PDB file of N, CA and C in Angstrom:
ATOM      1  N   MET A   1     260.602  72.213 100.479  1.00  0.00           N
ATOM      2  CA  MET A   1     259.738  72.419  99.497  1.00  0.00           C
ATOM      3  C   MET A   1     260.682  73.526  98.216  1.00  0.00           C
ATOM      4  N   SER A   2     260.775  72.646  97.025  1.00  0.00           N
ATOM      5  CA  SER A   2     261.853  73.323  96.048  1.00  0.00           C
ATOM      6  C   SER A   2     261.004  74.482  96.025  1.00  0.00           C
ATOM      7  N   PHE A   3     262.391  75.262  94.514  1.00  0.00           N
ATOM      8  CA  PHE A   3     261.284  76.967  93.815  1.00  0.00           C
ATOM      9  C   PHE A   3     260.669  76.271  93.032  1.00  0.00           C
ATOM     10  N   ASN A   4     260.434  75.235  92.337  1.00  0.00           N
ATOM     11  CA  ASN A   4     259.748  74.824  91.490  1.00  0.00           C
ATOM     12  C   ASN A   4     258.097  74.498  92.421  1.00  0.00           C
ATOM     13  N   ASP A   5     258.471  74.120  93.130  1.00  0.00           N
ATOM     14  CA  ASP A   5     257.121  74.029  94.056  1.00  0.00           C
ATOM     15  C   ASP A   5     256.248  75.066  94.224  1.00  0.00           C
ATOM     16  N   VAL A   6     257.331  76.203  94.493  1.00  0.00           N
ATOM     17  CA  VAL A   6     256.770  77.324  94.794  1.00  0.00           C
ATOM     18  C   VAL A   6     256.144  78.077  94.073  1.00  0.00           C
ATOM     19  N   LEU A   7     256.755  78.244  92.774  1.00  0.00           N
ATOM     20  CA  LEU A   7     256.485  78.835  91.131  1.00  0.00           C
ATOM     21  C   LEU A   7     255.030  78.068  91.222  1.00  0.00           C
ATOM     22  N   ASP A   8     254.978  76.610  91.219  1.00  0.00           N
ATOM     23  CA  ASP A   8     253.827  76.319  90.939  1.00  0.00           C
ATOM     24  C   ASP A   8     252.350  76.737  91.613  1.00  0.00           C
ATOM     25  N   SER A   9     252.724  76.154  92.726  1.00  0.00           N
ATOM     26  CA  SER A   9     251.908  77.053  94.292  1.00  0.00           C
ATOM     27  C   SER A   9     251.255  78.314  93.917  1.00  0.00           C
ATOM     28  N   ILE A  10     252.434  79.614  93.582  1.00  0.00           N
ATOM     29  CA  ILE A  10     251.316  80.716  92.937  1.00  0.00           C
ATOM     30  C   ILE A  10     251.149  80.930  91.779  1.00  0.00           C
ATOM     31  N   ASN A  11     251.226  79.852  90.384  1.00  0.00           N
ATOM     32  CA  ASN A  11     250.719  79.865  89.522  1.00  0.00           C
ATOM     33  C   ASN A  11     249.412  79.211  89.653  1.00  0.00           C
ATOM     34  N   LYS A  12     249.254  78.404  90.508  1.00  0.00           N
ATOM     35  CA  LYS A  12     248.073  77.631  90.770  1.00  0.00           C
ATOM     36  C   LYS A  12     246.734  78.792  91.628  1.00  0.00           C
ATOM     37  N   ARG A  13     247.706  79.385  92.763  1.00  0.00           N
ATOM     38  CA  ARG A  13     246.746  80.331  93.247  1.00  0.00           C
ATOM     39  C   ARG A  13     246.320  81.410  92.565  1.00  0.00           C
ATOM     40  N   ARG A  14     247.114  81.750  91.294  1.00  0.00           N
ATOM     41  CA  ARG A  14     246.513  82.860  90.216  1.00  0.00           C
ATOM     42  C   ARG A  14     245.806  82.293  89.576  1.00  0.00           C
ATOM     43  N   ARG A  15     245.696  80.938  89.241  1.00  0.00           N
ATOM     44  CA  ARG A  15     245.073  80.386  88.539  1.00  0.00           C
ATOM     45  C   ARG A  15     243.454  80.267  88.826  1.00  0.00           C
ATOM     46  N   THR A  16     243.511  80.356  90.434  1.00  0.00           N
ATOM     47  CA  THR A  16     242.371  79.618  91.131  1.00  0.00           C
ATOM     48  C   THR A  16     241.333  81.130  91.031  1.00  0.00           C
ATOM     49  N   GLU A  17     242.407  82.385  91.586  1.00  0.00           N
ATOM     50  CA  GLU A  17     241.873  83.572  91.752  1.00  0.00           C
ATOM     51  C   GLU A  17     241.137  84.409  90.410  1.00  0.00           C
ATOM     52  N   GLU A  18     242.143  83.671  89.046  1.00  0.00           N
ATOM     53  CA  GLU A  18     241.389  84.152  88.356  1.00  0.00           C
ATOM     54  C   GLU A  18     239.701  83.714  87.792  1.00  0.00           C
ATOM     55  N   ARG A  19     239.757  82.194  88.279  1.00  0.00           N
ATOM     56  CA  ARG A  19     238.409  81.567  87.898  1.00  0.00           C
ATOM     57  C   ARG A  19     237.261  81.940  88.470  1.00  0.00           C
ATOM     58  N   ASN A  20     237.667  82.625  89.759  1.00  0.00           N
ATOM     59  CA  ASN A  20     236.770  83.057  90.735  1.00  0.00           C
ATOM     60  C   ASN A  20     236.913  84.763  90.274  1.00  0.00           C
ATOM     61  N   LYS A  21     237.325  85.175  90.085  1.00  0.00           N
ATOM     62  CA  LYS A  21     237.155  86.073  89.146  1.00  0.00           C
ATOM     63  C   LYS A  21     236.099  86.007  88.111  1.00  0.00           C
ATOM     64  N   THR A  22     235.944  85.456  87.089  1.00  0.00           N
ATOM     65  CA  THR A  22     235.420  85.150  86.011  1.00  0.00           C
ATOM     66  C   THR A  22     234.056  84.559  86.406  1.00  0.00           C
ATOM     67  N   PHE A  23     234.042  84.146  87.520  1.00  0.00           N
ATOM     68  CA  PHE A  23     232.806  83.453  87.969  1.00  0.00           C
ATOM     69  C   PHE A  23     231.711  84.223  88.483  1.00  0.00           C
ATOM     70  N   VAL A  24     232.706  85.090  89.581  1.00  0.00           N
ATOM     71  CA  VAL A  24     231.721  86.158  90.259  1.00  0.00           C
ATOM     72  C   VAL A  24     231.180  87.357  88.946  1.00  0.00           C
ATOM     73  N   LYS A  25     231.890  87.578  87.976  1.00  0.00           N
ATOM     74  CA  LYS A  25     231.722  88.392  86.720  1.00  0.00           C
ATOM     75  C   LYS A  25     230.187  87.664  86.042  1.00  0.00           C
ATOM     76  N   PHE A  26     230.388  86.434  85.484  1.00  0.00           N
ATOM     77  CA  PHE A  26     229.198  85.805  85.080  1.00  0.00           C
ATOM     78  C   PHE A  26     227.834  85.563  86.204  1.00  0.00           C
ATOM     79  N   ALA A  27     228.314  85.609  87.615  1.00  0.00           N
ATOM     80  CA  ALA A  27     226.952  85.372  88.135  1.00  0.00           C
ATOM     81  C   ALA A  27     226.531  86.594  88.319  1.00  0.00           C
ATOM     82  N   LEU A  28     227.149  87.750  88.593  1.00  0.00           N
ATOM     83  CA  LEU A  28     226.713  89.430  88.338  1.00  0.00           C
ATOM     84  C   LEU A  28     225.814  89.521  86.806  1.00  0.00           C
ATOM     85  N   GLY A  29     226.334  89.078  86.112  1.00  0.00           N
ATOM     86  CA  GLY A  29     226.199  89.185  84.497  1.00  0.00           C
ATOM     87  C   GLY A  29     224.539  88.545  84.429  1.00  0.00           C
ATOM     88  N   MET A  30     224.135  87.172  85.508  1.00  0.00           N
ATOM     89  CA  MET A  30     223.217  86.852  84.847  1.00  0.00           C
ATOM     90  C   MET A  30     222.433  86.759  86.457  1.00  0.00           C
ATOM     91  N   GLY A  31     222.515  87.446  87.527  1.00  0.00           N
ATOM     92  CA  GLY A  31     221.798  88.128  88.112  1.00  0.00           C
ATOM     93  C   GLY A  31     221.335  89.477  87.737  1.00  0.00           C
ATOM     94  N   LEU A  32     221.719  90.640  87.060  1.00  0.00           N
ATOM     95  CA  LEU A  32     221.548  91.589  86.157  1.00  0.00           C
ATOM     96  C   LEU A  32     220.608  90.721  84.972  1.00  0.00           C
ATOM     97  N   ALA A  33     221.054  90.318  83.914  1.00  0.00           N
ATOM     98  CA  ALA A  33     220.200  89.340  83.208  1.00  0.00           C
ATOM     99  C   ALA A  33     218.970  89.440  83.825  1.00  0.00           C
ATOM    100  N   ALA A  34     218.702  88.604  84.769  1.00  0.00           N
ATOM    101  CA  ALA A  34     217.534  88.533  85.597  1.00  0.00           C
ATOM    102  C   ALA A  34     216.519  89.082  85.894  1.00  0.00           C
ATOM    103  N   THR A  35     217.473  90.395  86.533  1.00  0.00           N
ATOM    104  CA  THR A  35     216.534  91.856  87.226  1.00  0.00           C
ATOM    105  C   THR A  35     215.993  92.357  86.154  1.00  0.00           C
ATOM    106  N   ILE A  36     216.730  92.721  84.765  1.00  0.00           N
ATOM    107  CA  ILE A  36     216.051  93.140  83.530  1.00  0.00           C
ATOM    108  C   ILE A  36     214.674  92.594  82.995  1.00  0.00           C
ATOM    109  N   GLY A  37     214.856  91.187  83.000  1.00  0.00           N
ATOM    110  CA  GLY A  37     214.016  90.165  82.099  1.00  0.00           C
ATOM    111  C   GLY A  37     212.657  90.415  83.512  1.00  0.00           C
ATOM    112  N   LEU A  38     213.193  90.373  84.614  1.00  0.00           N
ATOM    113  CA  LEU A  38     211.763  90.287  85.766  1.00  0.00           C
ATOM    114  C   LEU A  38     211.028  92.044  85.180  1.00  0.00           C
ATOM    115  N   VAL A  39     211.906  92.925  85.394  1.00  0.00           N
ATOM    116  CA  VAL A  39     211.259  94.199  85.121  1.00  0.00           C
ATOM    117  C   VAL A  39     210.513  94.438  84.006  1.00  0.00           C
ATOM    118  N   LYS A  40     211.339  94.238  82.805  1.00  0.00           N
ATOM    119  CA  LYS A  40     210.539  94.115  81.276  1.00  0.00           C
ATOM    120  C   LYS A  40     209.201  93.253  81.531  1.00  0.00           C
ATOM    121  N   GLY A  41     209.103  91.899  81.926  1.00  0.00           N
ATOM    122  CA  GLY A  41     208.119  91.219  82.439  1.00  0.00           C
ATOM    123  C   GLY A  41     207.186  92.007  83.206  1.00  0.00           C
ATOM    124  N   ILE A  42     207.134  92.582  83.994  1.00  0.00           N
ATOM    125  CA  ILE A  42     206.364  93.762  84.716  1.00  0.00           C
ATOM    126  C   ILE A  42     205.669  94.520  83.534  1.00  0.00           C
ATOM    127  N   LEU A  43     206.286  95.239  83.380  1.00  0.00           N
ATOM    128  CA  LEU A  43     206.229  95.998  81.998  1.00  0.00           C
ATOM    129  C   LEU A  43     205.597  96.247  81.384  1.00  0.00           C
ATOM    130  N   TYR A  44     205.564  94.823  80.655  1.00  0.00           N
ATOM    131  CA  TYR A  44     205.021  94.640  79.281  1.00  0.00           C
ATOM    132  C   TYR A  44     204.288  93.221  79.505  1.00  0.00           C
ATOM    133  N   ALA A  45     203.490  93.077  81.065  1.00  0.00           N
ATOM    134  CA  ALA A  45     202.653  92.013  81.421  1.00  0.00           C
ATOM    135  C   ALA A  45     201.175  92.634  80.533  1.00  0.00           C
ATOM    136  N   PRO A  46     200.506  90.905  80.041  1.00  0.00           N
ATOM    137  CA  PRO A  46     199.317  92.232  79.366  1.00  0.00           C
ATOM    138  C   PRO A  46     198.129  92.040  80.607  1.00  0.00           C
ATOM    139  N   LYS A  47     198.453  91.391  81.546  1.00  0.00           N
ATOM    140  CA  LYS A  47     197.442  91.447  82.632  1.00  0.00           C
ATOM    141  C   LYS A  47     197.785  92.396  83.802  1.00  0.00           C
ATOM    142  N   SER A  48     196.933  93.491  84.742  1.00  0.00           N
ATOM    143  CA  SER A  48     197.394  93.705  85.371  1.00  0.00           C
ATOM    144  C   SER A  48     197.872  93.212  86.456  1.00  0.00           C
ATOM    145  N   GLY A  49     198.211  93.626  87.675  1.00  0.00           N
ATOM    146  CA  GLY A  49     198.872  93.203  88.997  1.00  0.00           C
ATOM    147  C   GLY A  49     197.663  92.430  89.457  1.00  0.00           C
ATOM    148  N   LYS A  50     196.678  93.208  89.415  1.00  0.00           N
ATOM    149  CA  LYS A  50     195.666  92.381  90.459  1.00  0.00           C
ATOM    150  C   LYS A  50     195.473  91.417  89.949  1.00  0.00           C
ATOM    151  N   GLU A  51     194.826  91.140  88.422  1.00  0.00           N
ATOM    152  CA  GLU A  51     194.619  89.849  87.724  1.00  0.00           C
ATOM    153  C   GLU A  51     195.867  88.794  87.844  1.00  0.00           C
ATOM    154  N   THR A  52     197.173  89.475  87.790  1.00  0.00           N
ATOM    155  CA  THR A  52     198.160  88.248  87.858  1.00  0.00           C
ATOM    156  C   THR A  52     198.365  87.964  89.227  1.00  0.00           C
ATOM    157  N   ARG A  53     198.090  88.743  90.427  1.00  0.00           N
ATOM    158  CA  ARG A  53     197.800  87.890  91.972  1.00  0.00           C
ATOM    159  C   ARG A  53     196.768  86.990  91.597  1.00  0.00           C
ATOM    160  N   GLU A  54     195.165  87.602  91.260  1.00  0.00           N
ATOM    161  CA  GLU A  54     194.399  86.130  91.806  1.00  0.00           C
ATOM    162  C   GLU A  54     194.758  84.669  90.881  1.00  0.00           C
ATOM    163  N   ASP A  55     195.749  85.075  89.404  1.00  0.00           N
ATOM    164  CA  ASP A  55     195.849  83.993  89.047  1.00  0.00           C
ATOM    165  C   ASP A  55     197.092  83.238  89.520  1.00  0.00           C
ATOM    166  N   LEU A  56     197.754  83.715  90.628  1.00  0.00           N
ATOM    167  CA  LEU A  56     198.771  83.076  91.172  1.00  0.00           C
ATOM    168  C   LEU A  56     198.050  82.510  92.068  1.00  0.00           C
ATOM    169  N   LYS A  57     197.083  83.317  93.162  1.00  0.00           N
ATOM    170  CA  LYS A  57     196.131  82.789  93.816  1.00  0.00           C
ATOM    171  C   LYS A  57     195.767  81.250  93.294  1.00  0.00           C
ATOM    172  N   ASN A  58     195.096  81.346  92.262  1.00  0.00           N
ATOM    173  CA  ASN A  58     194.478  80.172  92.042  1.00  0.00           C
ATOM    174  C   ASN A  58     195.194  78.985  91.871  1.00  0.00           C
ATOM    175  N   LYS A  59     196.058  79.338  90.919  1.00  0.00           N
ATOM    176  CA  LYS A  59     197.346  77.601  90.811  1.00  0.00           C
ATOM    177  C   LYS A  59     197.369  77.711  91.946  1.00  0.00           C
ATOM    178  N   ALA A  60     197.974  78.419  93.172  1.00  0.00           N
ATOM    179  CA  ALA A  60     198.375  77.969  94.432  1.00  0.00           C
ATOM    180  C   ALA A  60     197.922  77.054  95.180  1.00  0.00           C
ATOM    181  N   ALA A  61     196.212  77.412  95.027  1.00  0.00           N
ATOM    182  CA  ALA A  61     194.728  76.203  95.660  1.00  0.00           C
ATOM    183  C   ALA A  61     194.748  75.338  94.749  1.00  0.00           C
ATOM    184  N   GLU A  62     194.899  75.351  93.683  1.00  0.00           N
ATOM    185  CA  GLU A  62     195.135  74.104  92.365  1.00  0.00           C
ATOM    186  C   GLU A  62     196.059  73.337  92.734  1.00  0.00           C
ATOM    187  N   THR A  63     197.110  74.019  92.941  1.00  0.00           N
ATOM    188  CA  THR A  63     198.537  72.613  93.176  1.00  0.00           C
ATOM    189  C   THR A  63     198.071  72.005  94.971  1.00  0.00           C
ATOM    190  N   VAL A  64     197.760  73.044  95.997  1.00  0.00           N
ATOM    191  CA  VAL A  64     197.513  72.589  97.296  1.00  0.00           C
ATOM    192  C   VAL A  64     196.190  71.666  96.803  1.00  0.00           C
ATOM    193  N   ASP A  65     195.244  71.236  96.427  1.00  0.00           N
ATOM    194  CA  ASP A  65     194.356  70.280  96.440  1.00  0.00           C
ATOM    195  C   ASP A  65     195.040  69.051  95.562  1.00  0.00           C
ATOM    196  N   ALA A  66     195.999  69.778  94.852  1.00  0.00           N
ATOM    197  CA  ALA A  66     196.449  68.159  93.718  1.00  0.00           C
ATOM    198  C   ALA A  66     197.381  67.532  94.341  1.00  0.00           C
ATOM    199  N   ILE A  67     197.840  68.178  95.731  1.00  0.00           N
ATOM    200  CA  ILE A  67     199.431  67.407  96.749  1.00  0.00           C
ATOM    201  C   ILE A  67     198.098  66.954  97.600  1.00  0.00           C
ATOM    202  N   ARG A  68     197.234  67.407  97.992  1.00  0.00           N
ATOM    203  CA  ARG A  68     196.199  66.892  99.322  1.00  0.00           C
ATOM    204  C   ARG A  68     195.789  65.562  98.037  1.00  0.00           C
ATOM    205  N   GLU A  69     195.589  65.834  97.332  1.00  0.00           N
ATOM    206  CA  GLU A  69     194.369  64.506  96.779  1.00  0.00           C
ATOM    207  C   GLU A  69     195.846  63.455  96.576  1.00  0.00           C
ATOM    208  N   LYS A  70     196.958  63.345  96.236  1.00  0.00           N
ATOM    209  CA  LYS A  70     197.676  62.798  96.312  1.00  0.00           C
ATOM    210  C   LYS A  70     198.120  61.912  97.551  1.00  0.00           C
ATOM    211  N   VAL A  71     198.497  62.730  98.811  1.00  0.00           N
ATOM    212  CA  VAL A  71     198.535  62.635  99.959  1.00  0.00           C
ATOM    213  C   VAL A  71     197.687  61.341 100.347  1.00  0.00           C
ATOM    214  N   ARG A  72     196.030  61.829 100.267  1.00  0.00           N
ATOM    215  CA  ARG A  72     195.111  60.839 100.346  1.00  0.00           C
ATOM    216  C   ARG A  72     195.060  59.641  99.749  1.00  0.00           C
ATOM    217  N   ASN A  73     195.435  59.776  97.891  1.00  0.00           N
ATOM    218  CA  ASN A  73     195.454  58.295  97.572  1.00  0.00           C
ATOM    219  C   ASN A  73     196.817  57.618  98.106  1.00  0.00           C
ATOM    220  N   GLY A  74     197.837  58.089  98.829  1.00  0.00           N
ATOM    221  CA  GLY A  74     199.463  57.824  98.853  1.00  0.00           C
ATOM    222  C   GLY A  74     198.646  56.968 100.470  1.00  0.00           C
ATOM    223  N   ALA A  75     198.494  57.240 101.527  1.00  0.00           N
ATOM    224  CA  ALA A  75     197.927  56.782 102.056  1.00  0.00           C
ATOM    225  C   ALA A  75     196.796  55.613 102.329  1.00  0.00           C
ATOM    226  N   ARG A  76     196.022  55.618 101.541  1.00  0.00           N
ATOM    227  CA  ARG A  76     194.752  54.586 101.030  1.00  0.00           C
ATOM    228  C   ARG A  76     196.036  53.898 100.704  1.00  0.00           C
ATOM    229  N   ALA A  77     197.306  53.605  99.749  1.00  0.00           N
ATOM    230  CA  ALA A  77     197.937  52.566  99.134  1.00  0.00           C
ATOM    231  C   ALA A  77     198.078  51.703 100.396  1.00  0.00           C
ATOM    232  N   LEU A  78     199.061  53.139 101.089  1.00  0.00           N
ATOM    233  CA  LEU A  78     199.791  52.350 102.285  1.00  0.00           C
ATOM    234  C   LEU A  78     199.024  51.392 103.364  1.00  0.00           C
ATOM    235  N   LYS A  79     198.024  52.138 103.266  1.00  0.00           N
ATOM    236  CA  LYS A  79     196.837  51.167 104.365  1.00  0.00           C
ATOM    237  C   LYS A  79     196.479  49.974 104.397  1.00  0.00           C
ATOM    238  N   ILE A  80     196.427  49.668 102.554  1.00  0.00           N
ATOM    239  CA  ILE A  80     196.102  49.030 101.727  1.00  0.00           C
ATOM    240  C   ILE A  80     197.324  47.472 101.996  1.00  0.00           C
ATOM    241  N   THR A  81     198.194  47.888 101.098  1.00  0.00           N
ATOM    242  CA  THR A  81     199.506  47.569 101.774  1.00  0.00           C
ATOM    243  C   THR A  81     199.939  46.998 103.351  1.00  0.00           C
ATOM    244  N   LYS A  82     199.887  47.918 103.843  1.00  0.00           N
ATOM    245  CA  LYS A  82     199.764  47.667 105.136  1.00  0.00           C
ATOM    246  C   LYS A  82     199.244  46.488 105.662  1.00  0.00           C
ATOM    247  N   GLU A  83     197.668  46.887 105.049  1.00  0.00           N
ATOM    248  CA  GLU A  83     196.595  45.391 105.712  1.00  0.00           C
ATOM    249  C   GLU A  83     197.282  44.072 104.606  1.00  0.00           C
ATOM    250  N   LYS A  84     197.647  44.252 103.430  1.00  0.00           N
ATOM    251  CA  LYS A  84     198.116  42.706 102.978  1.00  0.00           C
ATOM    252  C   LYS A  84     199.172  42.142 103.562  1.00  0.00           C
ATOM    253  N   VAL A  85     200.295  43.044 103.844  1.00  0.00           N
ATOM    254  CA  VAL A  85     201.568  42.720 104.321  1.00  0.00           C
ATOM    255  C   VAL A  85     201.025  41.953 105.918  1.00  0.00           C
ATOM    256  N   ALA A  86     200.239  42.693 106.425  1.00  0.00           N
ATOM    257  CA  ALA A  86     200.027  41.900 108.321  1.00  0.00           C
ATOM    258  C   ALA A  86     199.294  40.476 107.587  1.00  0.00           C
ATOM    259  N   GLU A  87     198.482  40.835 106.902  1.00  0.00           N
ATOM    260  CA  GLU A  87     197.754  39.425 106.587  1.00  0.00           C
ATOM    261  C   GLU A  87     198.546  38.200 106.158  1.00  0.00           C
ATOM    262  N   GLU A  88     199.544  38.588 105.127  1.00  0.00           N
ATOM    263  CA  GLU A  88     200.467  37.867 104.632  1.00  0.00           C
ATOM    264  C   GLU A  88     201.374  37.403 105.877  1.00  0.00           C
ATOM    265  N   LEU A  89     202.056  38.366 106.977  1.00  0.00           N
ATOM    266  CA  LEU A  89     202.602  37.591 107.745  1.00  0.00           C
ATOM    267  C   LEU A  89     201.805  36.872 108.969  1.00  0.00           C
ATOM    268  N   HIS A  90     200.677  37.308 109.087  1.00  0.00           N
ATOM    269  CA  HIS A  90     200.044  36.403 109.770  1.00  0.00           C
ATOM    270  C   HIS A  90     199.496  34.651 109.889  1.00  0.00           C
ATOM    271  N   ASP A  91     199.459  34.560 108.022  1.00  0.00           N
ATOM    272  CA  ASP A  91     199.505  33.749 107.509  1.00  0.00           C
ATOM    273  C   ASP A  91     200.979  32.651 107.715  1.00  0.00           C
ATOM    274  N   VAL A  92     202.073  33.326 107.713  1.00  0.00           N
ATOM    275  CA  VAL A  92     202.975  32.568 107.401  1.00  0.00           C
ATOM    276  C   VAL A  92     203.323  32.201 108.568  1.00  0.00           C
ATOM    277  N   ILE A  93     203.345  32.802 109.869  1.00  0.00           N
ATOM    278  CA  ILE A  93     203.207  32.498 111.269  1.00  0.00           C
ATOM    279  C   ILE A  93     202.700  31.535 111.370  1.00  0.00           C
ATOM    280  N   LYS A  94     200.755  31.583 111.045  1.00  0.00           N
ATOM    281  CA  LYS A  94     200.260  30.366 111.158  1.00  0.00           C
ATOM    282  C   LYS A  94     200.895  29.487 110.568  1.00  0.00           C
ATOM    283  N   ALA A  95     201.387  29.240 109.207  1.00  0.00           N
ATOM    284  CA  ALA A  95     201.765  28.101 108.511  1.00  0.00           C
ATOM    285  C   ALA A  95     203.570  27.154 109.134  1.00  0.00           C
ATOM    286  N   GLU A  96     203.695  27.925 109.527  1.00  0.00           N
ATOM    287  CA  GLU A  96     205.013  27.667 110.405  1.00  0.00           C
ATOM    288  C   GLU A  96     205.104  27.596 111.915  1.00  0.00           C
ATOM    289  N   LYS A  97     204.273  27.740 112.453  1.00  0.00           N
ATOM    290  CA  LYS A  97     204.165  28.001 113.866  1.00  0.00           C
ATOM    291  C   LYS A  97     204.936  26.589 114.435  1.00  0.00           C
ATOM    292  N   VAL A  98     205.800  26.653 115.661  1.00  0.00           N
ATOM    293  CA  VAL A  98     206.350  25.536 116.095  1.00  0.00           C
ATOM    294  C   VAL A  98     206.331  25.545 117.428  1.00  0.00           C
ATOM    295  N   PRO A  99     205.958  24.207 117.865  1.00  0.00           N
ATOM    296  CA  PRO A  99     205.371  24.247 119.161  1.00  0.00           C
ATOM    297  C   PRO A  99     206.391  24.949 120.256  1.00  0.00           C
ATOM    298  N   THR A 100     205.800  25.674 121.184  1.00  0.00           N
ATOM    299  CA  THR A 100     207.164  25.906 122.223  1.00  0.00           C
ATOM    300  C   THR A 100     206.970  25.631 123.266  1.00  0.00           C
ATOM    301  N   LYS A 101     208.491  25.166 123.971  1.00  0.00           N
ATOM    302  CA  LYS A 101     208.793  24.926 125.552  1.00  0.00           C
ATOM    303  C   LYS A 101     208.083  25.645 126.115  1.00  0.00           C
ATOM    304  N   LYS A 102     207.436  25.072 127.035  1.00  0.00           N
ATOM    305  CA  LYS A 102     206.621  25.524 128.287  1.00  0.00           C
ATOM    306  C   LYS A 102     207.632  25.403 129.544  1.00  0.00           C
ATOM    307  N   LYS A 103     207.866  26.215 129.891  1.00  0.00           N
ATOM    308  CA  LYS A 103     208.360  26.205 131.495  1.00  0.00           C
ATOM    309  C   LYS A 103     207.727  25.767 132.197  1.00  0.00           C
ATOM    310  N   LYS A 104     208.836  25.165 132.928  1.00  0.00           N
ATOM    311  CA  LYS A 104     208.351  24.586 134.261  1.00  0.00           C
ATOM    312  C   LYS A 104     208.198  25.087 135.996  1.00  0.00           C
TER     313      LYS A 104
END
């Protein structure tokens, strides 16, 4: 390894460390900003905590109901598709049926 390679390696490591420090500072700043926003949101919320929890509960129930309905619709569609494919496969097998040799 030449002297220039060693210097390049050292410089590369320094740049990587600087980038990592910059990222950590950025992440800490974002975390702090999110925390401040959360606290401000709670302090200045137009509804009481009880009302907010009730709203969240209702929204969660609506979401669960919507997901259940989508799963039911998907299951129905899958069943219909399965029946159609089975019918088409049966028709193809029936139309292309080749006599098989019987073993003696």
